[in-house]
Amino acid sequence: AREVTIDDVKRVYAVFLDEARLSDNLREYKQHFMFNDLSNDQQQTQSKMET
């Protein structure tokens, strides 16, 4: 759609308001997120930075 309606905003807000539902959605769609594309070298570097 070219426009965002009030119903669209309400639907998205409801997803983020419900923590359990949000967690389920994040797990279900995690392969679509940029952070899921880290190479092994990047993962090791990130792991070292966190400790």
PDB file of N, CA and C in Angstrom:
ATOM      1  N   ALA A   1       0.840  -1.185   0.000  1.00  0.00           N
ATOM      2  CA  ALA A   1       0.000   0.000   0.000  1.00  0.00           C
ATOM      3  C   ALA A   1       0.881   1.242   0.000  1.00  0.00           C
ATOM      4  N   ARG A   2       0.374   2.269  -0.542  1.00  0.00           N
ATOM      5  CA  ARG A   2       1.117   3.530  -0.622  1.00  0.00           C
ATOM      6  C   ARG A   2       0.918   4.383   0.615  1.00  0.00           C
ATOM      7  N   GLU A   3      -0.099   4.072   1.392  1.00  0.00           N
ATOM      8  CA  GLU A   3      -0.389   4.863   2.587  1.00  0.00           C
ATOM      9  C   GLU A   3      -0.481   3.958   3.803  1.00  0.00           C
ATOM     10  N   VAL A   4      -0.096   4.511   4.932  1.00  0.00           N
ATOM     11  CA  VAL A   4      -0.231   3.806   6.203  1.00  0.00           C
ATOM     12  C   VAL A   4      -1.512   4.306   6.860  1.00  0.00           C
ATOM     13  N   THR A   5      -2.375   3.386   7.210  1.00  0.00           N
ATOM     14  CA  THR A   5      -3.644   3.762   7.830  1.00  0.00           C
ATOM     15  C   THR A   5      -3.551   3.637   9.351  1.00  0.00           C
ATOM     16  N   ILE A   6      -4.542   4.166  10.023  1.00  0.00           N
ATOM     17  CA  ILE A   6      -4.619   4.052  11.483  1.00  0.00           C
ATOM     18  C   ILE A   6      -4.671   2.579  11.884  1.00  0.00           C
ATOM     19  N   ASP A   7      -5.389   1.774  11.128  1.00  0.00           N
ATOM     20  CA  ASP A   7      -5.470   0.338  11.428  1.00  0.00           C
ATOM     21  C   ASP A   7      -4.099  -0.331  11.322  1.00  0.00           C
ATOM     22  N   ASP A   8      -3.289   0.093  10.354  1.00  0.00           N
ATOM     23  CA  ASP A   8      -1.924  -0.441  10.227  1.00  0.00           C
ATOM     24  C   ASP A   8      -1.107  -0.122  11.472  1.00  0.00           C
ATOM     25  N   VAL A   9      -1.190   1.104  11.929  1.00  0.00           N
ATOM     26  CA  VAL A   9      -0.447   1.531  13.113  1.00  0.00           C
ATOM     27  C   VAL A   9      -0.921   0.763  14.339  1.00  0.00           C
ATOM     28  N   LYS A  10      -2.214   0.600  14.482  1.00  0.00           N
ATOM     29  CA  LYS A  10      -2.757  -0.151  15.623  1.00  0.00           C
ATOM     30  C   LYS A  10      -2.277  -1.600  15.608  1.00  0.00           C
ATOM     31  N   ARG A  11      -2.251  -2.204  14.434  1.00  0.00           N
ATOM     32  CA  ARG A  11      -1.832  -3.599  14.308  1.00  0.00           C
ATOM     33  C   ARG A  11      -0.355  -3.755  14.701  1.00  0.00           C
ATOM     34  N   VAL A  12       0.491  -2.872  14.219  1.00  0.00           N
ATOM     35  CA  VAL A  12       1.919  -2.933  14.552  1.00  0.00           C
ATOM     36  C   VAL A  12       2.130  -2.643  16.034  1.00  0.00           C
ATOM     37  N   TYR A  13       1.438  -1.659  16.567  1.00  0.00           N
ATOM     38  CA  TYR A  13       1.563  -1.319  17.983  1.00  0.00           C
ATOM     39  C   TYR A  13       1.174  -2.511  18.854  1.00  0.00           C
ATOM     40  N   ALA A  14       0.116  -3.210  18.473  1.00  0.00           N
ATOM     41  CA  ALA A  14      -0.336  -4.369  19.249  1.00  0.00           C
ATOM     42  C   ALA A  14       0.724  -5.466  19.261  1.00  0.00           C
ATOM     43  N   VAL A  15       1.425  -5.651  18.157  1.00  0.00           N
ATOM     44  CA  VAL A  15       2.479  -6.671  18.094  1.00  0.00           C
ATOM     45  C   VAL A  15       3.608  -6.317  19.058  1.00  0.00           C
ATOM     46  N   PHE A  16       4.018  -5.058  19.081  1.00  0.00           N
ATOM     47  CA  PHE A  16       5.128  -4.653  19.938  1.00  0.00           C
ATOM     48  C   PHE A  16       4.708  -4.498  21.389  1.00  0.00           C
ATOM     49  N   LEU A  17       3.449  -4.299  21.637  1.00  0.00           N
ATOM     50  CA  LEU A  17       2.951  -4.158  22.997  1.00  0.00           C
ATOM     51  C   LEU A  17       2.930  -5.507  23.713  1.00  0.00           C
ATOM     52  N   ASP A  18       2.645  -6.565  22.989  1.00  0.00           N
ATOM     53  CA  ASP A  18       2.574  -7.915  23.549  1.00  0.00           C
ATOM     54  C   ASP A  18       3.956  -8.562  23.455  1.00  0.00           C
ATOM     55  N   GLU A  19       4.674  -8.608  24.570  1.00  0.00           N
ATOM     56  CA  GLU A  19       6.061  -9.085  24.578  1.00  0.00           C
ATOM     57  C   GLU A  19       6.189 -10.537  24.107  1.00  0.00           C
ATOM     58  N   ALA A  20       5.296 -11.395  24.527  1.00  0.00           N
ATOM     59  CA  ALA A  20       5.367 -12.803  24.119  1.00  0.00           C
ATOM     60  C   ALA A  20       5.163 -12.933  22.613  1.00  0.00           C
ATOM     61  N   ARG A  21       4.198 -12.199  22.093  1.00  0.00           N
ATOM     62  CA  ARG A  21       3.926 -12.241  20.656  1.00  0.00           C
ATOM     63  C   ARG A  21       5.105 -11.658  19.872  1.00  0.00           C
ATOM     64  N   LEU A  22       5.696 -10.587  20.379  1.00  0.00           N
ATOM     65  CA  LEU A  22       6.851  -9.982  19.733  1.00  0.00           C
ATOM     66  C   LEU A  22       8.012 -10.969  19.688  1.00  0.00           C
ATOM     67  N   SER A  23       8.268 -11.641  20.792  1.00  0.00           N
ATOM     68  CA  SER A  23       9.357 -12.626  20.841  1.00  0.00           C
ATOM     69  C   SER A  23       9.126 -13.748  19.839  1.00  0.00           C
ATOM     70  N   ASP A  24       7.896 -14.209  19.750  1.00  0.00           N
ATOM     71  CA  ASP A  24       7.569 -15.262  18.780  1.00  0.00           C
ATOM     72  C   ASP A  24       7.816 -14.780  17.350  1.00  0.00           C
ATOM     73  N   ASN A  25       7.388 -13.557  17.053  1.00  0.00           N
ATOM     74  CA  ASN A  25       7.585 -13.008  15.707  1.00  0.00           C
ATOM     75  C   ASN A  25       9.064 -12.831  15.392  1.00  0.00           C
ATOM     76  N   LEU A  26       9.844 -12.374  16.356  1.00  0.00           N
ATOM     77  CA  LEU A  26      11.277 -12.204  16.130  1.00  0.00           C
ATOM     78  C   LEU A  26      11.955 -13.536  15.852  1.00  0.00           C
ATOM     79  N   ARG A  27      11.576 -14.557  16.604  1.00  0.00           N
ATOM     80  CA  ARG A  27      12.150 -15.887  16.363  1.00  0.00           C
ATOM     81  C   ARG A  27      11.738 -16.421  14.990  1.00  0.00           C
ATOM     82  N   GLU A  28      10.482 -16.209  14.635  1.00  0.00           N
ATOM     83  CA  GLU A  28       9.971 -16.731  13.365  1.00  0.00           C
ATOM     84  C   GLU A  28      10.643 -16.068  12.159  1.00  0.00           C
ATOM     85  N   TYR A  29      10.912 -14.766  12.254  1.00  0.00           N
ATOM     86  CA  TYR A  29      11.435 -14.024  11.107  1.00  0.00           C
ATOM     87  C   TYR A  29      12.904 -13.645  11.242  1.00  0.00           C
ATOM     88  N   LYS A  30      13.633 -14.269  12.177  1.00  0.00           N
ATOM     89  CA  LYS A  30      15.017 -13.867  12.437  1.00  0.00           C
ATOM     90  C   LYS A  30      15.924 -14.005  11.220  1.00  0.00           C
ATOM     91  N   GLN A  31      15.642 -14.935  10.329  1.00  0.00           N
ATOM     92  CA  GLN A  31      16.480 -15.105   9.148  1.00  0.00           C
ATOM     93  C   GLN A  31      16.390 -13.906   8.205  1.00  0.00           C
ATOM     94  N   HIS A  32      15.386 -13.059   8.369  1.00  0.00           N
ATOM     95  CA  HIS A  32      15.216 -11.890   7.510  1.00  0.00           C
ATOM     96  C   HIS A  32      15.959 -10.666   8.039  1.00  0.00           C
ATOM     97  N   PHE A  33      16.481 -10.734   9.251  1.00  0.00           N
ATOM     98  CA  PHE A  33      17.127  -9.572   9.853  1.00  0.00           C
ATOM     99  C   PHE A  33      18.596  -9.526   9.479  1.00  0.00           C
ATOM    100  N   MET A  34      19.126  -8.334   9.367  1.00  0.00           N
ATOM    101  CA  MET A  34      20.523  -8.144   8.969  1.00  0.00           C
ATOM    102  C   MET A  34      21.487  -8.810   9.933  1.00  0.00           C
ATOM    103  N   PHE A  35      21.212  -8.760  11.227  1.00  0.00           N
ATOM    104  CA  PHE A  35      22.150  -9.308  12.199  1.00  0.00           C
ATOM    105  C   PHE A  35      22.263 -10.822  12.101  1.00  0.00           C
ATOM    106  N   ASN A  36      21.377 -11.452  11.374  1.00  0.00           N
ATOM    107  CA  ASN A  36      21.426 -12.901  11.205  1.00  0.00           C
ATOM    108  C   ASN A  36      22.456 -13.312  10.151  1.00  0.00           C
ATOM    109  N   ASP A  37      23.016 -12.356   9.406  1.00  0.00           N
ATOM    110  CA  ASP A  37      23.934 -12.647   8.309  1.00  0.00           C
ATOM    111  C   ASP A  37      25.404 -12.531   8.697  1.00  0.00           C
ATOM    112  N   LEU A  38      25.733 -12.535   9.958  1.00  0.00           N
ATOM    113  CA  LEU A  38      27.115 -12.393  10.382  1.00  0.00           C
ATOM    114  C   LEU A  38      27.926 -13.627   9.994  1.00  0.00           C
ATOM    115  N   SER A  39      29.107 -13.390   9.486  1.00  0.00           N
ATOM    116  CA  SER A  39      30.003 -14.506   9.191  1.00  0.00           C
ATOM    117  C   SER A  39      30.605 -15.008  10.495  1.00  0.00           C
ATOM    118  N   ASN A  40      31.292 -16.133  10.449  1.00  0.00           N
ATOM    119  CA  ASN A  40      31.926 -16.691  11.647  1.00  0.00           C
ATOM    120  C   ASN A  40      32.937 -15.723  12.241  1.00  0.00           C
ATOM    121  N   ASP A  41      33.750 -15.056  11.394  1.00  0.00           N
ATOM    122  CA  ASP A  41      34.736 -14.093  11.886  1.00  0.00           C
ATOM    123  C   ASP A  41      34.054 -12.940  12.608  1.00  0.00           C
ATOM    124  N   GLN A  42      32.964 -12.443  12.039  1.00  0.00           N
ATOM    125  CA  GLN A  42      32.237 -11.347  12.666  1.00  0.00           C
ATOM    126  C   GLN A  42      31.627 -11.796  13.986  1.00  0.00           C
ATOM    127  N   GLN A  43      31.113 -13.022  14.029  1.00  0.00           N
ATOM    128  CA  GLN A  43      30.516 -13.531  15.260  1.00  0.00           C
ATOM    129  C   GLN A  43      31.565 -13.650  16.351  1.00  0.00           C
ATOM    130  N   GLN A  44      32.759 -14.118  16.002  1.00  0.00           N
ATOM    131  CA  GLN A  44      33.828 -14.250  16.987  1.00  0.00           C
ATOM    132  C   GLN A  44      34.260 -12.883  17.493  1.00  0.00           C
ATOM    133  N   THR A  45      34.377 -11.915  16.593  1.00  0.00           N
ATOM    134  CA  THR A  45      34.755 -10.557  16.985  1.00  0.00           C
ATOM    135  C   THR A  45      33.700  -9.964  17.896  1.00  0.00           C
ATOM    136  N   GLN A  46      32.441 -10.144  17.534  1.00  0.00           N
ATOM    137  CA  GLN A  46      31.355  -9.615  18.347  1.00  0.00           C
ATOM    138  C   GLN A  46      31.342 -10.284  19.714  1.00  0.00           C
ATOM    139  N   SER A  47      31.583 -11.579  19.761  1.00  0.00           N
ATOM    140  CA  SER A  47      31.607 -12.310  21.021  1.00  0.00           C
ATOM    141  C   SER A  47      32.719 -11.788  21.921  1.00  0.00           C
ATOM    142  N   LYS A  48      33.887 -11.521  21.353  1.00  0.00           N
ATOM    143  CA  LYS A  48      35.008 -10.992  22.126  1.00  0.00           C
ATOM    144  C   LYS A  48      34.696  -9.604  22.669  1.00  0.00           C
ATOM    145  N   MET A  49      33.970  -8.809  21.901  1.00  0.00           N
ATOM    146  CA  MET A  49      33.629  -7.454  22.328  1.00  0.00           C
ATOM    147  C   MET A  49      32.645  -7.472  23.485  1.00  0.00           C
ATOM    148  N   GLU A  50      31.788  -8.482  23.534  1.00  0.00           N
ATOM    149  CA  GLU A  50      30.772  -8.569  24.580  1.00  0.00           C
ATOM    150  C   GLU A  50      31.347  -9.013  25.913  1.00  0.00           C
ATOM    151  N   THR A  51      32.487  -9.683  25.922  1.00  0.00           N
ATOM    152  CA  THR A  51      33.055 -10.184  27.174  1.00  0.00           C
ATOM    153  C   THR A  51      33.999  -9.201  27.796  1.00  0.00           C
TER     154      THR A  51
END
